[in-house]
Amino acid sequence: MLDYIVVGLGLSGIAISRNLEKRNKQFVVFEDNSQKSSLVAGGLFNPVILKRFTLAWNANEQMEIAIPFYKEMEALLQAKILHHVEICRKFFSAEEQNNWFAATDKPFLSKYLDTNLVKDINACIPSEFSFGRVLHTGVIDTDVLIKEYRDNLKNTEKIQFERFDYNALKVNEDSVSYKGVSAKQIIFCEGFGLQYNPYFNYLPLRGNKGEYITIYSEELKLEAAVKSSVFIIPLGNNLYKVGATYNNQDKDPQPSRAAREELEKKLAKLITCKFEVVDQSAGIRPASKDRKPMLGRHPEHKNLYCCNGFGSRGVLISPTVSVQLIKFIEEDIQLPQEIDLQRFSKKHFPS
């Protein structure tokens, strides 16, 4: 009998699986490539909400755990995953500049917000009111991370590429079984695919579609990421990822013409040089009703667990909460109430 079955191998499933490996737990992952939000994510790790110049939820703790985690994954996979890239926030008014300076005096923000404004970062991105630099930021190459870790699990026979059939899951008193595989516990890390899970689809998961375009521009010559009406993220070789859209109505995982036109229009207002769209990607971000992760044990079945609800910040959130969930299961260390899925269970499972 295995210790765990893990369903899904996006950012959540990777972090959970790696924690299980470090504890020498025996597990198998089921992955069907149906959920693309991790693959199409911008990959930025940034502790600051740049619209309001505030620290994101638990960002300091998450940064302290996430960066060593991705460095560890680089060593394990012998692949370049973490790229340190500064973010330059374009200002649109003197008021925004003043708000920036006010934020630099706040605890936990001062180490991330540079008090020295940058007048020009690039001839193709003019700004009358300069730019603010966000420090200690960067990009996680989620494409490389997911591909290399999948190959790693394949080589050790810890992954099966198939759609998970909930009807084939048998939940016993102290174990689960699935198509001849028995395990003590099962953890669902399905992203927006949770909507099809009969055990956890009562949770208030709200899909938010995000789309990116990839552009080619020989003139842009940009090394830092830029945040304005859109993000521009340098990929190397004159390629840049531009995004993202936020659409909580459209649940079609395929790229849309409307999103491409929206991003192109915003980009054309931001940069003055020519560019060519060479690719477009889309995914449905899994966000909870209160925008906090949803982790924990099923209210009726003690060997069923969920790890979900990261929204657009999975790069930072997943390494931290995966540790918390595994400690909850293995060491009975209580989950923080704000992320415990039990906060949503009472009306669905009354006592």
Protein backbone atom coordinates (compact mmCIF):
# COMPACT_ATOMS: atom_id res chain seq x y z
CA MET A 1 0.00 0.00 0.00
CA LEU A 2 1.19 3.48 -0.90
CA ASP A 3 1.10 6.39 1.49
CA TYR A 4 -0.54 8.82 -0.94
CA ILE A 5 -2.29 9.29 -4.24
CA VAL A 6 -1.91 12.83 -5.62
CA VAL A 7 -4.30 14.06 -8.31
CA GLY A 8 -2.93 16.89 -10.45
CA LEU A 9 0.58 18.17 -11.09
CA GLY A 10 0.44 21.93 -11.41
CA LEU A 11 2.24 24.16 -8.94
CA SER A 12 0.18 22.73 -6.08
CA GLY A 13 0.77 19.10 -7.01
CA ILE A 14 4.50 19.68 -7.52
CA ALA A 15 4.93 21.28 -4.10
CA ILE A 16 2.89 18.54 -2.40
CA SER A 17 4.77 15.76 -4.21
CA ARG A 18 8.17 17.20 -3.41
CA ASN A 19 7.27 17.45 0.28
CA LEU A 20 6.20 13.81 0.23
CA GLU A 21 9.49 12.83 -1.40
CA LYS A 22 11.46 14.62 1.31
CA ARG A 23 9.56 12.61 3.92
CA ASN A 24 10.30 9.37 2.04
CA LYS A 25 6.60 8.76 1.46
CA GLN A 26 5.49 6.38 -1.27
CA PHE A 27 3.06 7.99 -3.69
CA VAL A 28 1.78 8.11 -7.25
CA VAL A 29 0.51 11.14 -9.18
CA PHE A 30 -2.35 11.06 -11.68
CA GLU A 31 -2.14 13.85 -14.26
CA ASP A 32 -4.14 14.42 -17.43
CA ASN A 33 -2.85 17.86 -18.55
CA SER A 34 -6.40 19.24 -18.51
CA GLN A 35 -5.65 22.26 -16.33
CA LYS A 36 -3.33 24.88 -17.81
CA SER A 37 -3.27 27.71 -15.26
CA SER A 38 0.18 26.77 -13.95
CA LEU A 39 1.60 26.35 -17.44
CA VAL A 40 0.31 29.67 -18.71
CA ALA A 41 1.09 31.63 -15.54
CA GLY A 42 3.33 34.63 -15.89
CA GLY A 43 5.57 33.04 -13.28
CA LEU A 44 6.37 36.29 -11.48
CA PHE A 45 7.12 36.10 -7.78
CA ASN A 46 6.32 39.51 -6.43
CA PRO A 47 5.29 40.22 -2.81
CA VAL A 48 3.80 43.65 -3.59
CA ILE A 49 0.36 44.42 -4.97
CA LEU A 50 1.36 47.12 -7.43
CA LYS A 51 -2.07 48.62 -7.88
CA ARG A 52 -2.24 49.83 -4.28
CA PHE A 53 1.41 49.47 -3.15
CA THR A 54 0.54 47.04 -0.37
CA LEU A 55 2.08 43.77 0.74
CA ALA A 56 0.26 40.70 -0.56
CA TRP A 57 -1.27 38.27 1.93
CA ASN A 58 1.47 36.53 3.98
CA ALA A 59 3.99 37.52 1.30
CA ASN A 60 7.03 37.74 3.59
CA GLU A 61 6.55 34.22 4.92
CA GLN A 62 5.85 32.91 1.44
CA MET A 63 8.99 34.53 -0.02
CA GLU A 64 11.16 32.97 2.70
CA ILE A 65 9.89 29.50 1.83
CA ALA A 66 9.34 29.81 -1.94
CA ILE A 67 12.81 30.99 -3.00
CA PRO A 68 14.69 28.13 -1.26
CA PHE A 69 12.09 25.69 -2.62
CA TYR A 70 12.70 26.72 -6.24
CA LYS A 71 16.47 26.67 -5.73
CA GLU A 72 16.10 23.16 -4.35
CA MET A 73 14.07 22.17 -7.41
CA GLU A 74 16.79 23.58 -9.67
CA ALA A 75 19.36 21.39 -7.94
CA LEU A 76 17.11 18.33 -8.05
CA LEU A 77 16.19 18.71 -11.72
CA GLN A 78 19.49 20.21 -12.93
CA ALA A 79 17.54 22.91 -14.76
CA LYS A 80 17.36 26.69 -14.63
CA ILE A 81 14.00 27.60 -13.11
CA LEU A 82 14.48 30.75 -11.02
CA HIS A 83 15.41 34.02 -12.73
CA HIS A 84 15.93 37.18 -10.68
CA VAL A 85 14.27 40.05 -12.54
CA GLU A 86 13.42 43.49 -11.20
CA ILE A 87 9.95 44.90 -11.72
CA CYS A 88 9.57 48.53 -12.72
CA ARG A 89 6.18 50.08 -11.97
CA LYS A 90 5.29 52.92 -14.33
CA PHE A 91 3.75 55.93 -12.60
CA PHE A 92 0.93 57.91 -14.17
CA SER A 93 0.80 60.86 -11.80
CA ALA A 94 2.58 62.76 -9.04
CA GLU A 95 -0.01 61.31 -6.65
CA GLU A 96 1.14 57.78 -7.48
CA GLN A 97 4.72 58.83 -6.79
CA ASN A 98 3.66 60.19 -3.40
CA ASN A 99 1.78 56.99 -2.61
CA TRP A 100 4.90 55.00 -3.50
CA PHE A 101 7.07 57.01 -1.12
CA ALA A 102 4.46 56.67 1.62
CA ALA A 103 4.51 52.89 1.11
CA THR A 104 8.32 52.73 1.40
CA ASP A 105 8.02 53.86 5.04
CA LYS A 106 5.71 51.00 5.99
CA PRO A 107 7.01 47.91 7.82
CA PHE A 108 7.69 44.91 5.57
CA LEU A 109 7.48 47.05 2.41
CA SER A 110 10.66 49.10 2.70
CA LYS A 111 12.95 46.25 1.63
CA TYR A 112 10.94 45.72 -1.56
CA LEU A 113 10.30 49.31 -2.73
CA ASP A 114 13.30 51.34 -3.89
CA THR A 115 13.13 54.97 -2.80
CA ASN A 116 15.26 56.03 -5.79
CA LEU A 117 12.94 56.46 -8.74
CA VAL A 118 14.10 55.52 -12.23
CA LYS A 119 13.49 58.25 -14.78
CA ASP A 120 14.08 56.14 -17.89
CA ILE A 121 14.31 52.38 -18.24
CA ASN A 122 13.93 52.08 -21.97
CA ALA A 123 13.62 54.44 -24.93
CA CYS A 124 10.57 52.51 -26.11
CA ILE A 125 8.66 52.95 -22.81
CA PRO A 126 8.36 56.67 -22.07
CA SER A 127 7.03 57.90 -18.73
CA GLU A 128 6.43 61.47 -17.66
CA PHE A 129 6.42 60.48 -13.98
CA SER A 130 9.27 57.91 -13.87
CA PHE A 131 9.24 54.34 -12.55
CA GLY A 132 9.45 52.68 -9.14
CA ARG A 133 11.65 49.60 -8.75
CA VAL A 134 10.45 46.54 -6.86
CA LEU A 135 13.38 44.57 -5.46
CA HIS A 136 13.86 40.86 -4.65
CA THR A 137 11.48 39.79 -7.40
CA GLY A 138 11.81 37.44 -10.33
CA VAL A 139 10.30 34.85 -12.60
CA ILE A 140 9.79 31.11 -12.17
CA ASP A 141 9.91 29.27 -15.49
CA THR A 142 6.82 27.18 -14.87
CA ASP A 143 7.12 25.47 -18.26
CA VAL A 144 10.54 24.07 -17.38
CA LEU A 145 9.58 23.27 -13.79
CA ILE A 146 6.50 21.26 -14.73
CA LYS A 147 8.11 19.46 -17.67
CA GLU A 148 11.27 18.50 -15.82
CA TYR A 149 9.50 17.37 -12.67
CA ARG A 150 7.05 15.30 -14.68
CA ASP A 151 9.99 13.59 -16.36
CA ASN A 152 11.59 13.05 -12.96
CA LEU A 153 8.47 11.34 -11.63
CA LYS A 154 8.15 9.33 -14.83
CA ASN A 155 11.69 8.03 -14.44
CA THR A 156 10.91 6.88 -10.91
CA GLU A 157 7.51 5.45 -11.93
CA LYS A 158 5.61 7.83 -9.67
CA ILE A 159 3.24 9.29 -12.24
CA GLN A 160 0.46 8.01 -14.47
CA PHE A 161 -0.82 10.15 -17.33
CA GLU A 162 -4.56 9.62 -17.40
CA ARG A 163 -7.79 11.39 -16.53
CA PHE A 164 -8.85 10.61 -12.99
CA ASP A 165 -12.15 8.74 -12.87
CA TYR A 166 -13.92 9.65 -9.62
CA ASN A 167 -16.35 6.78 -10.07
CA ALA A 168 -13.44 4.35 -9.80
CA LEU A 169 -12.30 5.73 -6.44
CA LYS A 170 -13.27 3.58 -3.47
CA VAL A 171 -13.10 5.30 -0.10
CA ASN A 172 -12.58 2.89 2.77
CA GLU A 173 -12.37 3.53 6.51
CA ASP A 174 -8.58 3.82 6.65
CA SER A 175 -7.53 3.89 2.99
CA VAL A 176 -8.56 4.56 -0.59
CA SER A 177 -8.23 2.40 -3.67
CA TYR A 178 -8.21 3.36 -7.33
CA LYS A 179 -7.86 0.95 -10.25
CA GLY A 180 -5.71 -1.46 -8.29
CA VAL A 181 -3.73 1.24 -6.47
CA SER A 182 -4.23 1.41 -2.71
CA ALA A 183 -3.09 4.29 -0.52
CA LYS A 184 -3.62 5.59 2.98
CA GLN A 185 -4.53 9.09 1.78
CA ILE A 186 -5.44 10.96 -1.39
CA ILE A 187 -4.75 14.66 -2.03
CA PHE A 188 -6.58 16.50 -4.80
CA CYS A 189 -4.50 19.28 -6.42
CA GLU A 190 -6.69 19.83 -9.46
CA GLY A 191 -6.92 23.59 -9.83
CA PHE A 192 -10.13 24.59 -11.57
CA GLY A 193 -10.74 20.91 -12.29
CA LEU A 194 -12.04 20.73 -8.72
CA GLN A 195 -15.45 21.68 -10.12
CA TYR A 196 -15.78 18.09 -11.39
CA ASN A 197 -14.73 16.49 -8.10
CA PRO A 198 -17.84 15.09 -6.37
CA TYR A 199 -16.11 15.15 -2.99
CA PHE A 200 -14.96 18.78 -3.00
CA ASN A 201 -17.06 20.59 -5.60
CA TYR A 202 -19.17 22.10 -2.83
CA LEU A 203 -16.26 24.48 -2.12
CA PRO A 204 -16.80 28.00 -3.50
CA LEU A 205 -14.18 27.85 -6.23
CA ARG A 206 -14.40 30.74 -8.67
CA GLY A 207 -12.68 30.42 -12.00
CA ASN A 208 -10.89 33.46 -13.34
CA LYS A 209 -9.65 33.17 -16.91
CA GLY A 210 -6.24 34.64 -17.62
CA GLU A 211 -4.66 35.08 -21.03
CA TYR A 212 -1.17 36.07 -22.15
CA ILE A 213 0.38 36.86 -25.48
CA THR A 214 4.02 36.33 -26.39
CA ILE A 215 5.53 39.01 -28.60
CA TYR A 216 8.73 39.34 -30.62
CA SER A 217 10.41 42.75 -30.81
CA GLU A 218 13.98 43.47 -31.83
CA GLU A 219 13.66 47.12 -30.81
CA LEU A 220 12.36 46.76 -27.26
CA LYS A 221 15.61 45.54 -25.65
CA LEU A 222 14.06 45.24 -22.20
CA GLU A 223 15.77 43.47 -19.28
CA ALA A 224 13.46 44.31 -16.37
CA ALA A 225 9.80 43.38 -16.10
CA VAL A 226 7.49 46.38 -16.47
CA LYS A 227 4.09 46.84 -14.80
CA SER A 228 1.67 49.31 -16.26
CA SER A 229 -1.80 48.53 -17.63
CA VAL A 230 -0.18 45.17 -18.47
CA PHE A 231 2.93 43.28 -17.39
CA ILE A 232 5.80 42.88 -19.83
CA ILE A 233 8.10 40.01 -18.85
CA PRO A 234 11.37 39.48 -20.78
CA LEU A 235 11.93 35.88 -21.89
CA GLY A 236 15.18 36.33 -23.80
CA ASN A 237 15.89 36.21 -27.54
CA ASN A 238 13.72 39.31 -28.13
CA LEU A 239 10.66 37.51 -26.79
CA TYR A 240 8.35 38.94 -24.13
CA LYS A 241 5.28 37.66 -22.32
CA VAL A 242 2.52 40.26 -22.04
CA GLY A 243 -0.53 39.96 -19.82
CA ALA A 244 -2.67 39.20 -18.21
CA THR A 245 -6.39 39.45 -18.68
CA TYR A 246 -8.87 38.75 -15.87
CA ASN A 247 -12.24 37.39 -16.89
CA ASN A 248 -14.54 35.75 -14.33
CA GLN A 249 -17.30 35.08 -16.84
CA ASP A 250 -15.55 33.16 -19.62
CA LYS A 251 -14.72 29.59 -18.53
CA ASP A 252 -13.56 28.39 -21.97
CA PRO A 253 -9.89 27.37 -21.50
CA GLN A 254 -9.05 28.19 -25.12
CA PRO A 255 -7.42 31.54 -26.07
CA SER A 256 -9.83 34.20 -27.33
CA ARG A 257 -9.53 36.86 -30.01
CA ALA A 258 -11.05 39.46 -27.66
CA ALA A 259 -8.29 38.94 -25.08
CA ARG A 260 -5.57 39.14 -27.72
CA GLU A 261 -6.99 42.39 -29.05
CA GLU A 262 -7.28 43.80 -25.53
CA LEU A 263 -3.65 43.00 -24.72
CA GLU A 264 -2.38 44.29 -28.06
CA LYS A 265 -4.25 47.55 -27.59
CA LYS A 266 -2.88 48.12 -24.09
CA LEU A 267 0.64 47.21 -25.17
CA ALA A 268 0.53 49.60 -28.13
CA LYS A 269 -0.26 52.43 -25.70
CA LEU A 270 2.65 51.45 -23.46
CA ILE A 271 5.51 50.94 -25.91
CA THR A 272 6.49 52.94 -28.97
CA CYS A 273 8.28 50.23 -30.96
CA LYS A 274 6.98 47.59 -33.35
CA PHE A 275 6.10 44.12 -32.11
CA GLU A 276 4.71 40.87 -33.47
CA VAL A 277 2.42 38.48 -31.58
CA VAL A 278 3.89 34.98 -31.93
CA ASP A 279 1.87 33.02 -29.38
CA GLN A 280 -1.13 33.19 -27.06
CA SER A 281 -2.04 31.09 -24.02
CA ALA A 282 -4.96 30.83 -21.63
CA GLY A 283 -5.89 29.11 -18.39
CA ILE A 284 -8.51 29.24 -15.66
CA ARG A 285 -7.11 30.41 -12.34
CA PRO A 286 -8.65 28.65 -9.32
CA ALA A 287 -9.69 31.32 -6.80
CA SER A 288 -11.76 30.92 -3.66
CA LYS A 289 -14.66 33.07 -2.54
CA ASP A 290 -12.51 34.91 0.01
CA ARG A 291 -9.32 34.78 -2.10
CA LYS A 292 -7.51 32.54 0.36
CA PRO A 293 -6.31 28.99 -0.33
CA MET A 294 -8.57 26.06 0.53
CA LEU A 295 -6.70 23.25 2.22
CA GLY A 296 -7.57 20.40 4.49
CA ARG A 297 -9.52 17.25 5.18
CA HIS A 298 -12.90 16.35 3.77
CA PRO A 299 -15.59 16.87 6.43
CA GLU A 300 -16.84 13.28 6.16
CA HIS A 301 -13.93 11.23 4.78
CA LYS A 302 -10.79 11.50 6.91
CA ASN A 303 -8.41 10.23 4.22
CA LEU A 304 -9.45 12.71 1.50
CA TYR A 305 -7.65 16.06 1.25
CA CYS A 306 -7.74 19.14 -0.93
CA CYS A 307 -5.06 21.70 -1.83
CA ASN A 308 -6.52 24.44 -4.01
CA GLY A 309 -7.63 28.06 -4.41
CA PHE A 310 -4.34 29.86 -5.12
CA GLY A 311 -5.73 32.26 -7.69
CA SER A 312 -3.04 34.19 -9.56
CA ARG A 313 -0.35 33.85 -6.85
CA GLY A 314 0.34 30.12 -6.96
CA VAL A 315 4.07 30.61 -7.55
CA LEU A 316 4.43 32.18 -4.10
CA ILE A 317 1.65 30.44 -2.20
CA SER A 318 2.10 26.76 -3.16
CA PRO A 319 5.48 26.04 -1.48
CA THR A 320 4.25 27.44 1.86
CA VAL A 321 0.79 25.91 2.10
CA SER A 322 1.98 22.51 0.86
CA VAL A 323 4.27 22.29 3.89
CA GLN A 324 1.35 23.26 6.13
CA LEU A 325 -0.94 20.62 4.64
CA ILE A 326 1.58 17.78 4.92
CA LYS A 327 2.35 18.76 8.54
CA PHE A 328 -1.40 18.73 9.21
CA ILE A 329 -1.74 15.22 7.81
CA GLU A 330 1.48 13.71 9.13
CA GLU A 331 1.99 15.57 12.41
CA ASP A 332 -1.53 16.72 13.28
CA ILE A 333 -0.39 20.36 13.31
CA GLN A 334 -3.53 22.41 12.86
CA LEU A 335 -3.95 24.45 9.70
CA PRO A 336 -4.42 28.21 10.07
CA GLN A 337 -8.15 28.87 10.16
CA GLU A 338 -7.97 31.36 7.29
CA ILE A 339 -6.86 28.64 4.84
CA ASP A 340 -8.62 25.59 6.34
CA LEU A 341 -11.39 24.48 3.99
CA GLN A 342 -13.57 23.76 7.03
CA ARG A 343 -14.48 27.45 7.04
CA PHE A 344 -16.79 26.67 4.14
CA SER A 345 -18.15 23.34 5.34
CA LYS A 346 -20.75 24.10 8.01
CA LYS A 347 -23.74 24.96 5.84
CA HIS A 348 -22.99 22.08 3.48
CA PHE A 349 -22.36 19.54 6.21
CA PRO A 350 -24.38 20.66 9.24
CA SER A 351 -23.58 19.06 12.56
